[in-house]
Amino acid sequence: MTDFLLAIGTTKGLILGRSNDRISWTLSEPQFFMNGVYAVAIDVRGRSPRLLASATSEHWGPSVFHSDDLGVTWAEPDEGSIAFPVDTDVSLGRVWQLAPSLSEPGVVWAGSEPQGLFRSVDGGEHFSFVRTLWTTRTGRIGAPDSEARPSTPFSLIPPTRGGWWWRCRPAASIAATTPVSPGRRPTPA
């Protein structure tokens, strides 16, 4: 019989639900109690599933935790799992997205606030900053870049009603762009 796992991230913690029929569920006690859990991923690429959770403590800050026993125990490296490099002069607000790579074993991607992309090559235990998406003509992804270099495959459009927009430019055609803003559906430009 197949077991199903449901991960419910809230601003007060993480609740895991288990079921073998998806009709009746057994819910766990809250984990990461009084910490915001903004992203959860279930990585089924290995021999056993690995759970990844982005939890943000108001005291200790954000981190990515992992569990190899379906949430019975959780681990985090002593030095922390994810942070912006010191030279960026930026603090990590929270991790909004965790995504195991579909094509690279052991690789997990994390998207953050402020805007940043991180890559892990050890199943989500440690993350490194993807600097190429951070640096733009003006020096940082959070700064307006109205005239992106032709070699840059993306640029940011300053907000009109909150949130930054990404504009991707395929190599074949700079005219084909797709603006995307947080919380809004992509629309052709």
C-alpha atoms as a PDB file:
ATOM      1  CA  MET A   1       0.000   0.000   0.000  1.00  0.00           C
ATOM      2  CA  THR A   2       1.291   3.490  -0.863  1.00  0.00           C
ATOM      3  CA  ASP A   3       1.881   6.023   1.898  1.00  0.00           C
ATOM      4  CA  PHE A   4       1.238   9.685   1.206  1.00  0.00           C
ATOM      5  CA  LEU A   5       2.893  12.639   2.930  1.00  0.00           C
ATOM      6  CA  LEU A   6       1.423  16.129   3.070  1.00  0.00           C
ATOM      7  CA  ALA A   7       3.541  19.052   4.289  1.00  0.00           C
ATOM      8  CA  ILE A   8       1.688  22.118   5.587  1.00  0.00           C
ATOM      9  CA  GLY A   9       3.924  25.130   6.178  1.00  0.00           C
ATOM     10  CA  THR A  10       2.479  27.978   8.239  1.00  0.00           C
ATOM     11  CA  THR A  11       3.738  31.089  10.008  1.00  0.00           C
ATOM     12  CA  LYS A  12       3.548  29.083  13.261  1.00  0.00           C
ATOM     13  CA  GLY A  13       5.397  25.952  12.143  1.00  0.00           C
ATOM     14  CA  LEU A  14       5.172  22.808  10.022  1.00  0.00           C
ATOM     15  CA  ILE A  15       2.525  20.094  10.220  1.00  0.00           C
ATOM     16  CA  LEU A  16       3.023  16.794   8.428  1.00  0.00           C
ATOM     17  CA  GLY A  17       0.041  14.702   7.381  1.00  0.00           C
ATOM     18  CA  ARG A  18       0.242  11.005   6.578  1.00  0.00           C
ATOM     19  CA  SER A  19      -2.319   8.839   4.841  1.00  0.00           C
ATOM     20  CA  ASN A  20      -2.510   5.608   2.903  1.00  0.00           C
ATOM     21  CA  ASP A  21      -5.767   6.462   1.111  1.00  0.00           C
ATOM     22  CA  ARG A  22      -5.731  10.309   0.863  1.00  0.00           C
ATOM     23  CA  ILE A  23      -9.149  10.336   2.524  1.00  0.00           C
ATOM     24  CA  SER A  24      -8.235  10.118   6.207  1.00  0.00           C
ATOM     25  CA  TRP A  25      -5.081  11.816   7.471  1.00  0.00           C
ATOM     26  CA  THR A  26      -3.011  11.596  10.631  1.00  0.00           C
ATOM     27  CA  LEU A  27      -1.469  14.979  11.478  1.00  0.00           C
ATOM     28  CA  SER A  28       1.771  15.455  13.398  1.00  0.00           C
ATOM     29  CA  GLU A  29       2.324  17.857  16.236  1.00  0.00           C
ATOM     30  CA  PRO A  30       3.651  21.203  14.960  1.00  0.00           C
ATOM     31  CA  GLN A  31       7.346  21.131  14.126  1.00  0.00           C
ATOM     32  CA  PHE A  32       9.495  24.277  14.129  1.00  0.00           C
ATOM     33  CA  PHE A  33       6.942  25.645  16.598  1.00  0.00           C
ATOM     34  CA  MET A  34       6.495  29.433  16.368  1.00  0.00           C
ATOM     35  CA  ASN A  35       8.787  29.618  13.313  1.00  0.00           C
ATOM     36  CA  GLY A  36       7.508  30.557   9.889  1.00  0.00           C
ATOM     37  CA  VAL A  37       7.829  27.684   7.429  1.00  0.00           C
ATOM     38  CA  TYR A  38       7.672  29.285   3.987  1.00  0.00           C
ATOM     39  CA  ALA A  39       8.853  26.454   1.743  1.00  0.00           C
ATOM     40  CA  VAL A  40       8.898  22.666   1.943  1.00  0.00           C
ATOM     41  CA  ALA A  41      10.235  20.201  -0.607  1.00  0.00           C
ATOM     42  CA  ILE A  42      10.056  16.426  -0.675  1.00  0.00           C
ATOM     43  CA  ASP A  43      13.048  15.076  -2.579  1.00  0.00           C
ATOM     44  CA  VAL A  44      12.349  11.517  -3.753  1.00  0.00           C
ATOM     45  CA  ARG A  45      15.414  11.139  -6.006  1.00  0.00           C
ATOM     46  CA  GLY A  46      17.495   9.137  -3.512  1.00  0.00           C
ATOM     47  CA  ARG A  47      17.052   5.746  -1.872  1.00  0.00           C
ATOM     48  CA  SER A  48      14.843   7.303   0.786  1.00  0.00           C
ATOM     49  CA  PRO A  49      12.885  10.572   0.646  1.00  0.00           C
ATOM     50  CA  ARG A  50      14.509  13.712   2.048  1.00  0.00           C
ATOM     51  CA  LEU A  51      12.359  16.504   3.431  1.00  0.00           C
ATOM     52  CA  LEU A  52      13.630  20.077   3.155  1.00  0.00           C
ATOM     53  CA  ALA A  53      12.037  22.922   5.112  1.00  0.00           C
ATOM     54  CA  SER A  54      12.760  26.624   5.093  1.00  0.00           C
ATOM     55  CA  ALA A  55      12.076  27.836   8.633  1.00  0.00           C
ATOM     56  CA  THR A  56      12.506  31.400   9.859  1.00  0.00           C
ATOM     57  CA  SER A  57      13.007  32.117  13.548  1.00  0.00           C
ATOM     58  CA  GLU A  58      12.380  35.690  14.672  1.00  0.00           C
ATOM     59  CA  HIS A  59      15.438  35.301  16.919  1.00  0.00           C
ATOM     60  CA  TRP A  60      17.900  33.158  14.921  1.00  0.00           C
ATOM     61  CA  GLY A  61      16.800  34.087  11.398  1.00  0.00           C
ATOM     62  CA  PRO A  62      16.153  31.836   8.386  1.00  0.00           C
ATOM     63  CA  SER A  63      17.659  28.454   7.601  1.00  0.00           C
ATOM     64  CA  VAL A  64      17.019  25.339   5.553  1.00  0.00           C
ATOM     65  CA  PHE A  65      16.635  22.118   7.555  1.00  0.00           C
ATOM     66  CA  HIS A  66      16.617  18.562   6.221  1.00  0.00           C
ATOM     67  CA  SER A  67      15.189  15.260   7.426  1.00  0.00           C
ATOM     68  CA  ASP A  68      15.978  11.781   6.131  1.00  0.00           C
ATOM     69  CA  ASP A  69      13.391  10.043   8.346  1.00  0.00           C
ATOM     70  CA  LEU A  70      10.198  11.729   7.086  1.00  0.00           C
ATOM     71  CA  GLY A  71      10.271  14.499   9.663  1.00  0.00           C
ATOM     72  CA  VAL A  72      10.956  12.518  12.845  1.00  0.00           C
ATOM     73  CA  THR A  73      14.265  14.394  13.278  1.00  0.00           C
ATOM     74  CA  TRP A  74      15.637  17.481  11.548  1.00  0.00           C
ATOM     75  CA  ALA A  75      19.223  18.610  10.974  1.00  0.00           C
ATOM     76  CA  GLU A  76      20.956  21.878  10.175  1.00  0.00           C
ATOM     77  CA  PRO A  77      24.706  22.374   9.788  1.00  0.00           C
ATOM     78  CA  ASP A  78      26.334  24.113  12.782  1.00  0.00           C
ATOM     79  CA  GLU A  79      27.495  26.970  10.559  1.00  0.00           C
ATOM     80  CA  GLY A  80      24.032  27.368   9.017  1.00  0.00           C
ATOM     81  CA  SER A  81      22.909  26.170   5.642  1.00  0.00           C
ATOM     82  CA  ILE A  82      22.280  29.333   3.654  1.00  0.00           C
ATOM     83  CA  ALA A  83      23.358  32.986   3.744  1.00  0.00           C
ATOM     84  CA  PHE A  84      24.315  35.839   1.456  1.00  0.00           C
ATOM     85  CA  PRO A  85      28.071  36.384   1.129  1.00  0.00           C
ATOM     86  CA  VAL A  86      29.458  39.120   3.400  1.00  0.00           C
ATOM     87  CA  ASP A  87      30.509  41.322   0.442  1.00  0.00           C
ATOM     88  CA  THR A  88      26.878  41.722  -0.705  1.00  0.00           C
ATOM     89  CA  ASP A  89      26.096  43.608   2.534  1.00  0.00           C
ATOM     90  CA  VAL A  90      22.655  41.960   2.590  1.00  0.00           C
ATOM     91  CA  SER A  91      20.993  39.723   5.172  1.00  0.00           C
ATOM     92  CA  LEU A  92      18.804  36.799   4.210  1.00  0.00           C
ATOM     93  CA  GLY A  93      15.155  37.550   5.024  1.00  0.00           C
ATOM     94  CA  ARG A  94      13.699  34.125   4.265  1.00  0.00           C
ATOM     95  CA  VAL A  95      13.754  31.306   1.764  1.00  0.00           C
ATOM     96  CA  TRP A  96      10.552  31.282  -0.277  1.00  0.00           C
ATOM     97  CA  GLN A  97      11.189  28.336  -2.570  1.00  0.00           C
ATOM     98  CA  LEU A  98      13.013  24.995  -2.467  1.00  0.00           C
ATOM     99  CA  ALA A  99      13.248  22.890  -5.624  1.00  0.00           C
ATOM    100  CA  PRO A 100      15.220  19.679  -6.162  1.00  0.00           C
ATOM    101  CA  SER A 101      16.745  19.686  -9.649  1.00  0.00           C
ATOM    102  CA  LEU A 102      15.040  17.394 -12.116  1.00  0.00           C
ATOM    103  CA  SER A 103      18.237  16.776 -14.079  1.00  0.00           C
ATOM    104  CA  GLU A 104      21.133  17.004 -11.584  1.00  0.00           C
ATOM    105  CA  PRO A 105      21.412  14.436  -8.766  1.00  0.00           C
ATOM    106  CA  GLY A 106      21.970  16.040  -5.363  1.00  0.00           C
ATOM    107  CA  VAL A 107      21.259  19.577  -6.593  1.00  0.00           C
ATOM    108  CA  VAL A 108      18.624  21.646  -4.798  1.00  0.00           C
ATOM    109  CA  TRP A 109      17.751  25.242  -5.687  1.00  0.00           C
ATOM    110  CA  ALA A 110      16.548  27.873  -3.198  1.00  0.00           C
ATOM    111  CA  GLY A 111      14.961  31.242  -3.945  1.00  0.00           C
ATOM    112  CA  SER A 112      15.166  33.943  -1.294  1.00  0.00           C
ATOM    113  CA  GLU A 113      14.115  37.324  -0.009  1.00  0.00           C
ATOM    114  CA  PRO A 114      15.750  39.637  -0.889  1.00  0.00           C
ATOM    115  CA  GLN A 115      15.873  38.382  -4.454  1.00  0.00           C
ATOM    116  CA  GLY A 116      18.537  35.736  -4.712  1.00  0.00           C
ATOM    117  CA  LEU A 117      19.180  32.256  -5.981  1.00  0.00           C
ATOM    118  CA  PHE A 118      21.166  29.607  -4.118  1.00  0.00           C
ATOM    119  CA  ARG A 119      22.385  26.176  -5.235  1.00  0.00           C
ATOM    120  CA  SER A 120      23.140  23.120  -3.140  1.00  0.00           C
ATOM    121  CA  VAL A 121      25.086  20.146  -4.489  1.00  0.00           C
ATOM    122  CA  ASP A 122      24.716  18.009  -1.345  1.00  0.00           C
ATOM    123  CA  GLY A 123      20.961  17.489  -1.216  1.00  0.00           C
ATOM    124  CA  GLY A 124      20.143  20.773   0.527  1.00  0.00           C
ATOM    125  CA  GLU A 125      22.597  20.644   3.437  1.00  0.00           C
ATOM    126  CA  HIS A 126      24.715  23.613   2.298  1.00  0.00           C
ATOM    127  CA  PHE A 127      23.861  26.282  -0.257  1.00  0.00           C
ATOM    128  CA  SER A 128      26.110  28.535  -2.316  1.00  0.00           C
ATOM    129  CA  PHE A 129      25.065  31.886  -3.714  1.00  0.00           C
ATOM    130  CA  VAL A 130      24.509  32.147  -7.493  1.00  0.00           C
ATOM    131  CA  ARG A 131      26.254  35.461  -8.028  1.00  0.00           C
ATOM    132  CA  THR A 132      25.574  35.769 -11.771  1.00  0.00           C
ATOM    133  CA  LEU A 133      21.901  36.472 -11.079  1.00  0.00           C
ATOM    134  CA  TRP A 134      22.762  39.067  -8.439  1.00  0.00           C
ATOM    135  CA  THR A 135      25.177  41.283 -10.364  1.00  0.00           C
ATOM    136  CA  THR A 136      23.740  43.599 -12.987  1.00  0.00           C
ATOM    137  CA  ARG A 137      24.971  46.769 -14.659  1.00  0.00           C
ATOM    138  CA  THR A 138      24.103  48.731 -11.502  1.00  0.00           C
ATOM    139  CA  GLY A 139      25.873  46.233  -9.269  1.00  0.00           C
ATOM    140  CA  ARG A 140      23.014  44.372  -7.624  1.00  0.00           C
ATOM    141  CA  ILE A 141      19.790  42.658  -8.584  1.00  0.00           C
ATOM    142  CA  GLY A 142      17.710  44.823  -6.250  1.00  0.00           C
ATOM    143  CA  ALA A 143      18.681  48.004  -8.119  1.00  0.00           C
ATOM    144  CA  PRO A 144      16.826  49.172 -11.251  1.00  0.00           C
ATOM    145  CA  ASP A 145      18.567  48.165 -14.461  1.00  0.00           C
ATOM    146  CA  SER A 146      16.721  49.836 -17.298  1.00  0.00           C
ATOM    147  CA  GLU A 147      19.507  49.213 -19.814  1.00  0.00           C
ATOM    148  CA  ALA A 148      20.677  45.647 -19.307  1.00  0.00           C
ATOM    149  CA  ARG A 149      23.799  44.591 -21.147  1.00  0.00           C
ATOM    150  CA  PRO A 150      23.092  42.535 -24.295  1.00  0.00           C
ATOM    151  CA  SER A 151      25.105  39.671 -22.764  1.00  0.00           C
ATOM    152  CA  THR A 152      22.802  39.559 -19.724  1.00  0.00           C
ATOM    153  CA  PRO A 153      19.927  37.123 -20.325  1.00  0.00           C
ATOM    154  CA  PHE A 154      17.618  38.979 -17.945  1.00  0.00           C
ATOM    155  CA  SER A 155      16.916  42.391 -16.481  1.00  0.00           C
ATOM    156  CA  LEU A 156      14.604  43.848 -13.882  1.00  0.00           C
ATOM    157  CA  ILE A 157      11.749  46.204 -14.552  1.00  0.00           C
ATOM    158  CA  PRO A 158      11.107  48.682 -11.702  1.00  0.00           C
ATOM    159  CA  PRO A 159       7.815  48.048  -9.904  1.00  0.00           C
ATOM    160  CA  THR A 160       4.616  49.758 -10.943  1.00  0.00           C
ATOM    161  CA  ARG A 161       2.430  48.210  -8.230  1.00  0.00           C
ATOM    162  CA  GLY A 162       4.811  46.408  -5.891  1.00  0.00           C
ATOM    163  CA  GLY A 163       7.228  43.612  -6.638  1.00  0.00           C
ATOM    164  CA  TRP A 164       9.983  43.505  -9.224  1.00  0.00           C
ATOM    165  CA  TRP A 165       9.445  42.066 -12.701  1.00  0.00           C
ATOM    166  CA  TRP A 166      11.898  39.779 -14.451  1.00  0.00           C
ATOM    167  CA  ARG A 167      12.328  40.240 -18.178  1.00  0.00           C
ATOM    168  CA  CYS A 168      13.979  37.291 -19.874  1.00  0.00           C
ATOM    169  CA  ARG A 169      15.497  37.780 -23.305  1.00  0.00           C
ATOM    170  CA  PRO A 170      16.042  34.613 -25.344  1.00  0.00           C
ATOM    171  CA  ALA A 171      19.286  34.602 -27.299  1.00  0.00           C
ATOM    172  CA  ALA A 172      17.407  34.332 -30.614  1.00  0.00           C
ATOM    173  CA  SER A 173      15.144  37.318 -30.086  1.00  0.00           C
ATOM    174  CA  ILE A 174      15.412  40.258 -27.717  1.00  0.00           C
ATOM    175  CA  ALA A 175      11.852  41.265 -28.680  1.00  0.00           C
ATOM    176  CA  ALA A 176      10.393  38.082 -27.169  1.00  0.00           C
ATOM    177  CA  THR A 177      10.099  38.905 -23.466  1.00  0.00           C
ATOM    178  CA  THR A 178       7.978  37.560 -20.643  1.00  0.00           C
ATOM    179  CA  PRO A 179       7.466  39.847 -17.637  1.00  0.00           C
ATOM    180  CA  VAL A 180       6.811  37.998 -14.420  1.00  0.00           C
ATOM    181  CA  SER A 181       5.963  39.619 -11.115  1.00  0.00           C
ATOM    182  CA  PRO A 182       5.538  37.905  -7.743  1.00  0.00           C
ATOM    183  CA  GLY A 183       1.903  36.971  -7.239  1.00  0.00           C
ATOM    184  CA  ARG A 184       0.942  37.631 -10.853  1.00  0.00           C
ATOM    185  CA  ARG A 185       0.646  35.255 -13.789  1.00  0.00           C
ATOM    186  CA  PRO A 186       3.194  35.607 -16.602  1.00  0.00           C
ATOM    187  CA  THR A 187       1.884  37.517 -19.585  1.00  0.00           C
ATOM    188  CA  PRO A 188       3.531  37.974 -22.971  1.00  0.00           C
ATOM    189  CA  ALA A 189       5.104  41.404 -23.426  1.00  0.00           C
END
